C-alpha atoms as a PDB file:
ATOM      1  CA  MET A   1      40.671 -13.813  51.614  1.00  0.00           C
ATOM      2  CA  MET A   2      37.470 -11.672  51.925  1.00  0.00           C
ATOM      3  CA  ARG A   3      37.564  -8.291  52.837  1.00  0.00           C
ATOM      4  CA  LYS A   4      35.076  -6.786  55.270  1.00  0.00           C
ATOM      5  CA  LYS A   5      33.711  -3.583  54.599  1.00  0.00           C
ATOM      6  CA  LYS A   6      33.733  -0.946  57.424  1.00  0.00           C
ATOM      7  CA  THR A   7      30.401  -0.113  58.051  1.00  0.00           C
ATOM      8  CA  SER A   8      29.974   3.142  60.106  1.00  0.00           C
ATOM      9  CA  ILE A   9      27.202   4.065  62.304  1.00  0.00           C
ATOM     10  CA  LEU A  10      26.043   6.672  59.940  1.00  0.00           C
ATOM     11  CA  SER A  11      25.501   4.332  57.130  1.00  0.00           C
ATOM     12  CA  CYS A  12      23.740   2.242  59.367  1.00  0.00           C
ATOM     13  CA  ILE A  13      21.264   5.044  60.452  1.00  0.00           C
ATOM     14  CA  LEU A  14      21.106   6.670  56.864  1.00  0.00           C
ATOM     15  CA  LYS A  15      19.647   3.681  54.911  1.00  0.00           C
ATOM     16  CA  PRO A  16      16.654   2.923  57.184  1.00  0.00           C
ATOM     17  CA  CYS A  17      15.803   6.632  57.477  1.00  0.00           C
ATOM     18  CA  LEU A  18      15.976   6.794  53.374  1.00  0.00           C
ATOM     19  CA  VAL A  19      13.491   3.963  53.176  1.00  0.00           C
ATOM     20  CA  VAL A  20      11.144   5.413  55.590  1.00  0.00           C
ATOM     21  CA  ILE A  21      11.684   8.917  53.774  1.00  0.00           C
ATOM     22  CA  LEU A  22      10.811   7.240  50.515  1.00  0.00           C
ATOM     23  CA  PHE A  23       7.626   5.283  51.775  1.00  0.00           C
ATOM     24  CA  VAL A  24       6.405   8.709  53.377  1.00  0.00           C
ATOM     25  CA  GLY A  25       6.778  10.542  50.403  1.00  0.00           C
ATOM     26  CA  VAL A  26       4.719   8.162  48.416  1.00  0.00           C
ATOM     27  CA  PHE A  27       1.987   7.617  50.609  1.00  0.00           C
ATOM     28  CA  GLY A  28       2.176  11.685  50.712  1.00  0.00           C
ATOM     29  CA  LEU A  29       1.765  11.796  47.079  1.00  0.00           C
ATOM     30  CA  VAL A  30      -1.248   9.596  47.128  1.00  0.00           C
ATOM     31  CA  TYR A  31      -2.835  11.285  49.931  1.00  0.00           C
ATOM     32  CA  MET A  32      -2.402  14.773  47.983  1.00  0.00           C
ATOM     33  CA  LYS A  33      -3.592  13.475  44.710  1.00  0.00           C
ATOM     34  CA  SER A  34      -6.699  11.715  46.541  1.00  0.00           C
ATOM     35  CA  ASN A  35      -7.288  15.296  48.410  1.00  0.00           C
ATOM     36  CA  PHE A  36      -7.105  16.842  44.974  1.00  0.00           C
ATOM     37  CA  VAL A  37      -9.564  14.375  43.209  1.00  0.00           C
ATOM     38  CA  LYS A  38     -12.069  15.138  46.073  1.00  0.00           C
ATOM     39  CA  LEU A  39     -11.376  18.871  45.697  1.00  0.00           C
ATOM     40  CA  GLU A  40     -12.235  18.696  41.946  1.00  0.00           C
ATOM     41  CA  TYR A  41     -15.298  16.820  42.775  1.00  0.00           C
ATOM     42  CA  SER A  42     -16.546  19.160  45.217  1.00  0.00           C
ATOM     43  CA  ILE A  43     -15.955  22.063  42.711  1.00  0.00           C
ATOM     44  CA  GLY A  44     -18.017  20.399  40.060  1.00  0.00           C
ATOM     45  CA  GLU A  45     -20.915  20.134  42.546  1.00  0.00           C
ATOM     46  CA  LEU A  46     -20.638  23.461  43.501  1.00  0.00           C
ATOM     47  CA  GLU A  47     -20.711  24.514  39.650  1.00  0.00           C
ATOM     48  CA  LYS A  48     -23.919  22.523  39.216  1.00  0.00           C
ATOM     49  CA  LYS A  49     -25.474  24.050  42.334  1.00  0.00           C
ATOM     50  CA  LYS A  50     -24.450  27.659  41.085  1.00  0.00           C
ATOM     51  CA  MET A  51     -26.002  26.807  37.736  1.00  0.00           C
ATOM     52  CA  TYR A  52     -29.202  25.846  39.400  1.00  0.00           C
ATOM     53  CA  CYS A  53     -29.184  29.026  41.570  1.00  0.00           C
ATOM     54  CA  LEU A  54     -28.700  30.952  38.420  1.00  0.00           C
ATOM     55  CA  LYS A  55     -31.738  29.383  36.669  1.00  0.00           C
ATOM     56  CA  GLU A  56     -33.609  29.773  39.665  1.00  0.00           C
ATOM     57  CA  ARG A  57     -32.583  33.528  39.900  1.00  0.00           C
ATOM     58  CA  LYS A  58     -33.850  34.212  36.119  1.00  0.00           C
ATOM     59  CA  ARG A  59     -37.014  32.409  36.765  1.00  0.00           C
ATOM     60  CA  LEU A  60     -37.773  34.444  39.884  1.00  0.00           C
ATOM     61  CA  PHE A  61     -36.629  37.720  38.402  1.00  0.00           C
ATOM     62  CA  ALA A  62     -39.151  36.916  35.431  1.00  0.00           C
ATOM     63  CA  GLU A  63     -41.935  35.911  37.990  1.00  0.00           C
ATOM     64  CA  LYS A  64     -41.428  39.191  39.870  1.00  0.00           C
ATOM     65  CA  THR A  65     -41.487  41.113  36.644  1.00  0.00           C
ATOM     66  CA  SER A  66     -44.691  39.505  35.638  1.00  0.00           C
ATOM     67  CA  GLN A  67     -46.050  40.230  38.974  1.00  0.00           C
ATOM     68  CA  LEU A  68     -45.173  43.866  39.184  1.00  0.00           C
ATOM     69  CA  SER A  69     -46.647  44.594  35.556  1.00  0.00           C
ATOM     70  CA  PHE A  70     -49.803  42.678  36.380  1.00  0.00           C
ATOM     71  CA  ALA A  71     -49.804  45.223  39.990  1.00  0.00           C
ATOM     72  CA  ARG A  72     -49.246  48.250  37.476  1.00  0.00           C
ATOM     73  CA  LEU A  73     -52.072  47.084  35.241  1.00  0.00           C
ATOM     74  CA  GLU A  74     -54.392  46.839  38.399  1.00  0.00           C
ATOM     75  CA  SER A  75     -53.295  50.091  39.728  1.00  0.00           C
ATOM     76  CA  SER A  76     -53.982  51.745  36.444  1.00  0.00           C
ATOM     77  CA  SER A  77     -57.087  50.109  35.957  1.00  0.00           C
ATOM     78  CA  ASP A  78     -58.476  51.642  39.208  1.00  0.00           C
ATOM     79  CA  ASP A  79     -57.712  55.074  37.870  1.00  0.00           C
ATOM     80  CA  ARG A  80     -59.812  54.305  34.561  1.00  0.00           C
ATOM     81  CA  GLY A  81     -62.671  52.652  36.166  1.00  0.00           C
ATOM     82  CA  GLY A  82     -61.539  49.239  36.104  1.00  0.00           C
ATOM     83  CA  PHE A  83     -59.995  46.759  33.497  1.00  0.00           C
ATOM     84  CA  ILE A  84     -62.460  45.395  31.068  1.00  0.00           C
ATOM     85  CA  LEU A  85     -61.626  42.090  29.156  1.00  0.00           C
ATOM     86  CA  PRO A  86     -62.811  42.582  25.399  1.00  0.00           C
ATOM     87  CA  ASP A  87     -65.819  40.310  24.246  1.00  0.00           C
ATOM     88  CA  ARG A  88     -66.385  38.894  20.929  1.00  0.00           C
ATOM     89  CA  LEU A  89     -67.777  42.059  19.427  1.00  0.00           C
ATOM     90  CA  GLN A  90     -64.683  43.909  20.168  1.00  0.00           C
ATOM     91  CA  VAL A  91     -62.126  41.594  18.583  1.00  0.00           C
ATOM     92  CA  VAL A  92     -60.710  42.876  15.304  1.00  0.00           C
ATOM     93  CA  HIS A  93     -61.201  40.656  12.232  1.00  0.00           C
ATOM     94  CA  VAL A  94     -58.481  40.601   9.566  1.00  0.00           C
ATOM     95  CA  SER A  95     -59.624  39.268   6.317  1.00  0.00           C
ATOM     96  CA  LYS A  96     -57.266  38.384   3.331  1.00  0.00           C
ATOM     97  CA  GLN A  97     -58.444  38.743  -0.147  1.00  0.00           C
ATOM     98  CA  MET A  98     -57.636  36.672  -3.098  1.00  0.00           C
ATOM     99  CA  ARG A  99     -55.513  39.796  -4.713  1.00  0.00           C
ATOM    100  CA  SER A 100     -52.425  41.154  -3.497  1.00  0.00           C
ATOM    101  CA  LEU A 101     -54.382  44.067  -1.931  1.00  0.00           C
ATOM    102  CA  PRO A 102     -53.651  45.605   1.425  1.00  0.00           C
ATOM    103  CA  GLN A 103     -55.332  43.614   4.263  1.00  0.00           C
ATOM    104  CA  GLN A 104     -58.340  45.360   5.931  1.00  0.00           C
ATOM    105  CA  ALA A 105     -59.181  45.158   9.516  1.00  0.00           C
ATOM    106  CA  SER A 106     -62.705  46.167  10.868  1.00  0.00           C
ATOM    107  CA  LEU A 107     -64.757  45.698  14.102  1.00  0.00           C
ATOM    108  CA  LYS A 108     -67.474  44.176  11.996  1.00  0.00           C
ATOM    109  CA  GLN A 109     -67.901  40.698  11.273  1.00  0.00           C
ATOM    110  CA  LYS A 110     -66.421  39.529   7.759  1.00  0.00           C
ATOM    111  CA  GLN A 111     -68.412  40.648   4.873  1.00  0.00           C
ATOM    112  CA  LEU A 112     -67.658  38.632   1.666  1.00  0.00           C
ATOM    113  CA  SER A 113     -67.972  40.929  -1.556  1.00  0.00           C
ATOM    114  CA  GLU A 114     -66.970  39.785  -4.772  1.00  0.00           C
ATOM    115  CA  PRO A 115     -65.747  42.599  -7.121  1.00  0.00           C
END
C-alpha cells in the first residue's frame, strides 16, 4: 500500500513563497550589479571631466600670469618713458675663440684678431 503524506496548508503556501523569494533575490542581485556598473561608468566620466578641468585651470592660470606680467611691463614702461624693443645694434654678440679662453661679449660687431 501506498502511503499518502499529509500536506499541510503551511507547506502549500511556503513552497511558492520560497520560489518567489528566490526569483526576487536573483533579479535584485542582477539589478544591483547593473546599477553598480553604471555608477562606476559615471564615476569614470566624472574623473575624465575633472582631469580636463584641472588642465584647463592650469592653462588659464598660466595665461592670467602672462597677462599680469605683460600688464606690469606696460605700467612700468609708462613710468620710464616707454618700452623700447632692442634693434640689431643693441644685441650682444658672443664670440668663441679657438683656445679655451673666457668668452667675450661686446656690443660691437665681431672683430676677428689673430694672436
